[in-house]
């Protein structure tokens, strides 16, 4: 079975976006180039930012139709992250609300990518 271990976001300026993600991840990138930045995590997952201005960048798609999501243990943690991110100046697109899977909110990164905080589905 293949296990996903990399999520790559296309951004205008990876160095600028990295500053944003350093704040919410509370860690520095492991790789930083003008057109590519990567964050690695203890669970083996890598989150990367790739410049749409890079020499070999090719993509026929446009728009943001996905989300980076953080599942936390409980509603208190959802509320705490919303408060912390708001204090850091993170744009909140969809404020705290109850969804079918529980309490959640959605923030935006500098390029408009959606970042959701929620709890695991109750059936999981």
N, C-alpha and C. Protein backbone atom coordinates (compact mmCIF):
# COMPACT_ATOMS: atom_id res chain seq x y z
N UNK A 1 0.84 -1.18 0.00
CA UNK A 1 0.00 0.00 0.00
C UNK A 1 0.88 1.24 0.00
N UNK A 2 0.57 2.20 -0.85
CA UNK A 2 1.26 3.48 -0.85
C UNK A 2 0.69 4.37 0.24
N UNK A 3 1.57 5.05 0.97
CA UNK A 3 1.15 5.97 2.01
C UNK A 3 1.55 7.38 1.60
N UNK A 4 0.59 8.30 1.47
CA UNK A 4 0.94 9.67 1.11
C UNK A 4 1.89 10.27 2.16
N UNK A 5 2.93 10.94 1.69
CA UNK A 5 3.89 11.53 2.62
C UNK A 5 4.36 12.92 2.20
N UNK A 6 3.70 13.49 1.18
CA UNK A 6 4.07 14.82 0.70
C UNK A 6 2.83 15.56 0.24
N UNK A 7 2.70 16.78 0.69
CA UNK A 7 1.67 17.69 0.18
C UNK A 7 2.40 18.91 -0.35
N UNK A 8 2.11 19.29 -1.58
CA UNK A 8 2.80 20.39 -2.24
C UNK A 8 1.78 21.46 -2.62
N UNK A 9 1.99 22.69 -2.14
CA UNK A 9 1.14 23.82 -2.50
C UNK A 9 1.89 24.70 -3.49
N UNK A 10 1.20 25.14 -4.54
CA UNK A 10 1.75 26.09 -5.49
C UNK A 10 1.52 27.49 -4.94
N UNK A 11 2.58 28.28 -4.87
CA UNK A 11 2.50 29.62 -4.29
C UNK A 11 3.25 30.63 -5.16
N UNK A 12 2.93 31.90 -5.00
CA UNK A 12 3.63 32.96 -5.72
C UNK A 12 5.06 33.11 -5.21
N UNK A 13 5.22 33.14 -3.87
CA UNK A 13 6.51 33.41 -3.26
C UNK A 13 6.75 32.44 -2.09
N UNK A 14 7.48 31.35 -2.33
CA UNK A 14 7.69 30.36 -1.28
C UNK A 14 8.34 30.92 0.00
N UNK A 15 9.23 31.87 -0.14
CA UNK A 15 9.90 32.42 1.05
C UNK A 15 8.90 33.20 1.91
N UNK A 16 8.02 33.96 1.28
CA UNK A 16 6.99 34.70 2.00
C UNK A 16 5.98 33.74 2.64
N UNK A 17 5.57 32.74 1.89
CA UNK A 17 4.63 31.75 2.42
C UNK A 17 5.26 30.97 3.57
N UNK A 18 6.55 30.71 3.50
CA UNK A 18 7.24 29.98 4.56
C UNK A 18 7.16 30.72 5.89
N UNK A 19 7.24 32.03 5.86
CA UNK A 19 7.11 32.83 7.10
C UNK A 19 5.75 32.57 7.74
N UNK A 20 4.71 32.55 6.93
CA UNK A 20 3.36 32.26 7.42
C UNK A 20 3.32 30.87 8.05
N UNK A 21 3.82 29.85 7.34
CA UNK A 21 3.74 28.48 7.85
C UNK A 21 4.65 28.23 9.05
N UNK A 22 5.78 28.93 9.14
CA UNK A 22 6.62 28.83 10.34
C UNK A 22 5.81 29.20 11.58
N UNK A 23 4.96 30.21 11.46
CA UNK A 23 4.15 30.65 12.60
C UNK A 23 3.15 29.58 13.03
N UNK A 24 2.44 28.99 12.06
CA UNK A 24 1.41 28.03 12.47
C UNK A 24 1.97 26.64 12.75
N UNK A 25 3.07 26.26 12.09
CA UNK A 25 3.70 24.97 12.38
C UNK A 25 4.61 25.03 13.60
N UNK A 26 5.05 26.23 13.95
CA UNK A 26 6.01 26.44 15.05
C UNK A 26 7.31 25.67 14.82
N UNK A 27 7.75 25.69 13.57
CA UNK A 27 9.02 25.08 13.19
C UNK A 27 9.55 25.74 11.94
N UNK A 28 10.83 25.61 11.70
CA UNK A 28 11.45 26.19 10.51
C UNK A 28 11.51 25.15 9.39
N UNK A 29 11.60 25.60 8.14
CA UNK A 29 11.72 24.66 7.03
C UNK A 29 13.05 23.89 7.10
N UNK A 30 13.05 22.70 6.50
CA UNK A 30 14.29 21.93 6.42
C UNK A 30 15.04 22.26 5.14
N UNK A 31 14.34 22.81 4.16
CA UNK A 31 14.93 23.23 2.88
C UNK A 31 14.32 24.56 2.49
N UNK A 32 15.16 25.50 2.08
CA UNK A 32 14.66 26.81 1.63
C UNK A 32 15.45 27.29 0.42
N UNK A 33 14.76 27.37 -0.70
CA UNK A 33 15.30 27.96 -1.92
C UNK A 33 14.32 29.05 -2.35
N UNK A 34 14.72 29.89 -3.26
CA UNK A 34 13.83 30.97 -3.68
C UNK A 34 12.56 30.45 -4.34
N UNK A 35 12.61 29.25 -4.92
CA UNK A 35 11.44 28.70 -5.62
C UNK A 35 10.85 27.46 -4.94
N UNK A 36 11.42 27.02 -3.81
CA UNK A 36 10.93 25.81 -3.15
C UNK A 36 11.31 25.83 -1.67
N UNK A 37 10.34 25.51 -0.83
CA UNK A 37 10.56 25.42 0.62
C UNK A 37 9.86 24.16 1.11
N UNK A 38 10.51 23.44 2.05
CA UNK A 38 9.90 22.21 2.57
C UNK A 38 10.00 22.16 4.09
N UNK A 39 8.91 21.71 4.71
CA UNK A 39 8.84 21.45 6.14
C UNK A 39 8.69 19.94 6.33
N UNK A 40 9.47 19.34 7.22
CA UNK A 40 9.34 17.91 7.51
C UNK A 40 8.87 17.73 8.94
N UNK A 41 8.12 16.65 9.15
CA UNK A 41 7.54 16.37 10.47
C UNK A 41 7.96 14.99 10.95
N UNK A 42 7.89 14.79 12.25
CA UNK A 42 8.36 13.55 12.88
C UNK A 42 7.64 12.31 12.35
N UNK A 43 6.42 12.47 11.87
CA UNK A 43 5.67 11.31 11.37
C UNK A 43 6.04 10.95 9.93
N UNK A 44 7.05 11.63 9.35
CA UNK A 44 7.49 11.32 7.99
C UNK A 44 6.82 12.15 6.91
N UNK A 45 5.86 12.98 7.29
CA UNK A 45 5.14 13.81 6.34
C UNK A 45 5.96 15.04 5.98
N UNK A 46 5.93 15.44 4.72
CA UNK A 46 6.59 16.66 4.25
C UNK A 46 5.56 17.57 3.60
N UNK A 47 5.60 18.83 3.97
CA UNK A 47 4.75 19.86 3.40
C UNK A 47 5.66 20.82 2.65
N UNK A 48 5.37 21.04 1.36
CA UNK A 48 6.26 21.86 0.54
C UNK A 48 5.51 22.99 -0.16
N UNK A 49 6.25 24.04 -0.47
CA UNK A 49 5.75 25.21 -1.17
C UNK A 49 6.58 25.38 -2.44
N UNK A 50 5.94 25.39 -3.58
CA UNK A 50 6.64 25.47 -4.86
C UNK A 50 6.18 26.71 -5.61
N UNK A 51 7.12 27.48 -6.10
CA UNK A 51 6.81 28.73 -6.78
C UNK A 51 6.18 28.50 -8.14
N UNK A 52 5.08 29.21 -8.39
CA UNK A 52 4.47 29.18 -9.72
C UNK A 52 5.35 29.92 -10.73
N UNK A 53 6.40 30.58 -10.25
CA UNK A 53 7.34 31.30 -11.10
C UNK A 53 8.59 30.48 -11.38
N UNK A 54 8.68 29.26 -10.84
CA UNK A 54 9.86 28.41 -11.03
C UNK A 54 10.04 28.08 -12.52
N UNK A 55 11.27 27.91 -12.93
CA UNK A 55 11.60 27.70 -14.33
C UNK A 55 10.84 26.52 -14.94
N UNK A 56 10.73 25.41 -14.24
CA UNK A 56 10.09 24.22 -14.79
C UNK A 56 8.67 24.00 -14.29
N UNK A 57 8.06 25.01 -13.71
CA UNK A 57 6.70 24.87 -13.19
C UNK A 57 5.71 24.77 -14.35
N UNK A 58 4.86 23.74 -14.32
CA UNK A 58 3.81 23.57 -15.32
C UNK A 58 2.56 23.07 -14.59
N UNK A 59 1.45 23.74 -14.79
CA UNK A 59 0.17 23.29 -14.24
C UNK A 59 -0.94 23.87 -15.09
N UNK A 60 -1.84 23.00 -15.53
CA UNK A 60 -2.98 23.45 -16.31
C UNK A 60 -4.16 23.84 -15.43
N UNK A 61 -4.09 23.55 -14.14
CA UNK A 61 -5.19 23.84 -13.23
C UNK A 61 -5.10 25.23 -12.65
N UNK A 62 -6.19 25.63 -12.01
CA UNK A 62 -6.19 26.91 -11.31
C UNK A 62 -7.20 26.87 -10.18
N UNK A 63 -7.01 27.73 -9.21
CA UNK A 63 -7.93 27.78 -8.08
C UNK A 63 -7.52 26.84 -6.96
N UNK A 64 -8.20 26.97 -5.83
CA UNK A 64 -7.90 26.17 -4.64
C UNK A 64 -9.11 25.29 -4.36
N UNK A 65 -8.95 24.01 -4.58
CA UNK A 65 -10.05 23.07 -4.40
C UNK A 65 -9.70 21.98 -3.40
N UNK A 66 -8.83 22.30 -2.48
CA UNK A 66 -8.43 21.35 -1.46
C UNK A 66 -8.12 22.11 -0.18
N UNK A 67 -7.87 21.37 0.89
CA UNK A 67 -7.56 21.97 2.18
C UNK A 67 -6.43 21.21 2.85
N UNK A 68 -5.58 21.93 3.52
CA UNK A 68 -4.66 21.35 4.48
C UNK A 68 -5.43 21.33 5.79
N UNK A 69 -5.51 20.18 6.44
CA UNK A 69 -6.32 20.09 7.65
C UNK A 69 -5.52 19.56 8.82
N UNK A 70 -5.84 20.09 9.98
CA UNK A 70 -5.25 19.65 11.24
C UNK A 70 -6.37 19.08 12.09
N UNK A 71 -6.32 17.78 12.38
CA UNK A 71 -7.30 17.18 13.28
C UNK A 71 -6.71 17.21 14.68
N UNK A 72 -7.44 17.84 15.60
CA UNK A 72 -7.00 17.96 16.99
C UNK A 72 -7.94 17.16 17.88
N UNK A 73 -7.55 16.97 19.13
CA UNK A 73 -8.25 16.03 20.01
C UNK A 73 -9.64 16.46 20.46
N UNK A 74 -9.86 17.78 20.63
CA UNK A 74 -11.15 18.19 21.21
C UNK A 74 -11.49 19.63 20.83
N UNK A 75 -12.71 20.04 21.21
CA UNK A 75 -13.20 21.38 20.87
C UNK A 75 -12.35 22.48 21.49
N UNK A 76 -11.83 22.27 22.68
CA UNK A 76 -10.97 23.27 23.32
C UNK A 76 -9.75 23.56 22.47
N UNK A 77 -9.17 22.52 21.85
CA UNK A 77 -8.00 22.72 21.00
C UNK A 77 -8.38 23.44 19.70
N UNK A 78 -9.56 23.15 19.18
CA UNK A 78 -10.03 23.88 17.98
C UNK A 78 -10.12 25.37 18.33
N UNK A 79 -10.76 25.68 19.44
CA UNK A 79 -10.92 27.08 19.85
C UNK A 79 -9.57 27.75 20.14
N UNK A 80 -8.67 27.02 20.78
CA UNK A 80 -7.35 27.58 21.13
C UNK A 80 -6.55 27.92 19.87
N UNK A 81 -6.57 27.02 18.88
CA UNK A 81 -5.84 27.31 17.64
C UNK A 81 -6.45 28.49 16.90
N UNK A 82 -7.76 28.59 16.88
CA UNK A 82 -8.41 29.73 16.24
C UNK A 82 -7.97 31.03 16.91
N UNK A 83 -7.94 31.05 18.23
CA UNK A 83 -7.53 32.24 18.98
C UNK A 83 -6.06 32.58 18.68
N UNK A 84 -5.18 31.59 18.74
CA UNK A 84 -3.75 31.80 18.48
C UNK A 84 -3.52 32.31 17.08
N UNK A 85 -4.13 31.68 16.09
CA UNK A 85 -3.92 32.09 14.71
C UNK A 85 -4.46 33.49 14.47
N UNK A 86 -5.59 33.82 15.05
CA UNK A 86 -6.15 35.18 14.90
C UNK A 86 -5.16 36.20 15.47
N UNK A 87 -4.57 35.87 16.63
CA UNK A 87 -3.59 36.77 17.26
C UNK A 87 -2.34 36.92 16.39
N UNK A 88 -2.01 35.89 15.61
CA UNK A 88 -0.86 35.94 14.70
C UNK A 88 -1.18 36.68 13.40
N UNK A 89 -2.44 37.09 13.23
CA UNK A 89 -2.83 37.81 12.04
C UNK A 89 -3.26 36.92 10.88
N UNK A 90 -3.48 35.64 11.16
CA UNK A 90 -3.93 34.72 10.11
C UNK A 90 -5.38 35.08 9.73
N UNK A 91 -5.64 35.13 8.43
CA UNK A 91 -6.99 35.46 7.95
C UNK A 91 -7.90 34.26 8.18
N UNK A 92 -9.02 34.49 8.85
CA UNK A 92 -10.01 33.43 9.08
C UNK A 92 -11.10 33.60 8.02
N UNK A 93 -11.24 32.61 7.14
CA UNK A 93 -12.25 32.68 6.09
C UNK A 93 -13.62 32.22 6.59
N UNK A 94 -13.61 31.17 7.38
CA UNK A 94 -14.86 30.60 7.90
C UNK A 94 -14.68 30.42 9.40
N UNK A 95 -15.36 31.23 10.18
CA UNK A 95 -15.16 31.23 11.63
C UNK A 95 -15.71 29.95 12.27
N UNK A 96 -15.47 29.81 13.55
CA UNK A 96 -15.93 28.62 14.29
C UNK A 96 -17.39 28.32 13.98
N UNK A 97 -17.65 27.06 13.68
CA UNK A 97 -19.02 26.61 13.43
C UNK A 97 -19.10 25.10 13.58
N UNK A 98 -20.30 24.61 13.75
CA UNK A 98 -20.53 23.17 13.84
C UNK A 98 -20.78 22.62 12.44
N UNK A 99 -19.96 21.67 12.03
CA UNK A 99 -20.17 20.96 10.77
C UNK A 99 -20.64 19.55 11.12
N UNK A 100 -20.94 18.77 10.14
CA UNK A 100 -21.43 17.42 10.38
C UNK A 100 -20.43 16.61 11.21
N UNK A 101 -19.15 16.94 11.11
CA UNK A 101 -18.11 16.21 11.84
C UNK A 101 -17.69 16.90 13.13
N UNK A 102 -18.29 18.04 13.48
CA UNK A 102 -17.98 18.71 14.73
C UNK A 102 -17.50 20.14 14.54
N UNK A 103 -16.98 20.73 15.62
CA UNK A 103 -16.53 22.11 15.62
C UNK A 103 -15.33 22.27 14.69
N UNK A 104 -15.35 23.35 13.88
CA UNK A 104 -14.29 23.56 12.90
C UNK A 104 -14.18 25.04 12.55
N UNK A 105 -13.08 25.42 11.93
CA UNK A 105 -12.92 26.73 11.29
C UNK A 105 -11.94 26.59 10.15
N UNK A 106 -11.93 27.58 9.25
CA UNK A 106 -11.03 27.56 8.09
C UNK A 106 -10.29 28.89 8.02
N UNK A 107 -8.98 28.79 7.89
CA UNK A 107 -8.11 29.95 7.71
C UNK A 107 -7.58 29.95 6.27
N UNK A 108 -6.93 31.05 5.89
CA UNK A 108 -6.32 31.15 4.56
C UNK A 108 -4.85 31.50 4.69
N UNK A 109 -4.03 30.90 3.83
CA UNK A 109 -2.62 31.30 3.78
C UNK A 109 -2.49 32.49 2.83
N UNK A 110 -1.28 33.06 2.66
CA UNK A 110 -1.14 34.25 1.81
C UNK A 110 -1.58 34.06 0.35
N UNK A 111 -1.60 32.80 -0.13
CA UNK A 111 -2.01 32.53 -1.50
C UNK A 111 -3.47 32.09 -1.60
N UNK A 112 -4.19 32.09 -0.47
CA UNK A 112 -5.59 31.72 -0.48
C UNK A 112 -5.87 30.24 -0.29
N UNK A 113 -4.84 29.44 0.02
CA UNK A 113 -5.07 28.02 0.31
C UNK A 113 -5.85 27.90 1.62
N UNK A 114 -6.81 26.99 1.64
CA UNK A 114 -7.66 26.78 2.82
C UNK A 114 -6.95 25.87 3.82
N UNK A 115 -7.00 26.27 5.10
CA UNK A 115 -6.41 25.48 6.18
C UNK A 115 -7.50 25.26 7.22
N UNK A 116 -7.92 24.02 7.38
CA UNK A 116 -9.02 23.68 8.29
C UNK A 116 -8.47 23.09 9.59
N UNK A 117 -9.12 23.44 10.69
CA UNK A 117 -8.86 22.80 11.97
C UNK A 117 -10.18 22.15 12.39
N UNK A 118 -10.10 20.87 12.77
CA UNK A 118 -11.29 20.14 13.18
C UNK A 118 -10.88 18.96 14.08
N UNK A 119 -11.85 18.18 14.47
CA UNK A 119 -11.59 16.97 15.26
C UNK A 119 -11.81 15.77 14.35
N UNK A 120 -11.23 14.62 14.69
CA UNK A 120 -11.52 13.42 13.90
C UNK A 120 -13.03 13.13 13.93
N UNK A 121 -13.51 12.55 12.83
CA UNK A 121 -14.91 12.14 12.80
C UNK A 121 -15.21 11.25 13.99
N UNK A 122 -16.36 11.42 14.56
CA UNK A 122 -16.72 10.66 15.76
C UNK A 122 -16.77 9.15 15.52
N UNK A 123 -16.95 8.72 14.29
CA UNK A 123 -17.02 7.30 13.97
C UNK A 123 -15.64 6.68 13.75
N UNK A 124 -14.59 7.49 13.78
CA UNK A 124 -13.23 6.97 13.52
C UNK A 124 -12.60 6.54 14.83
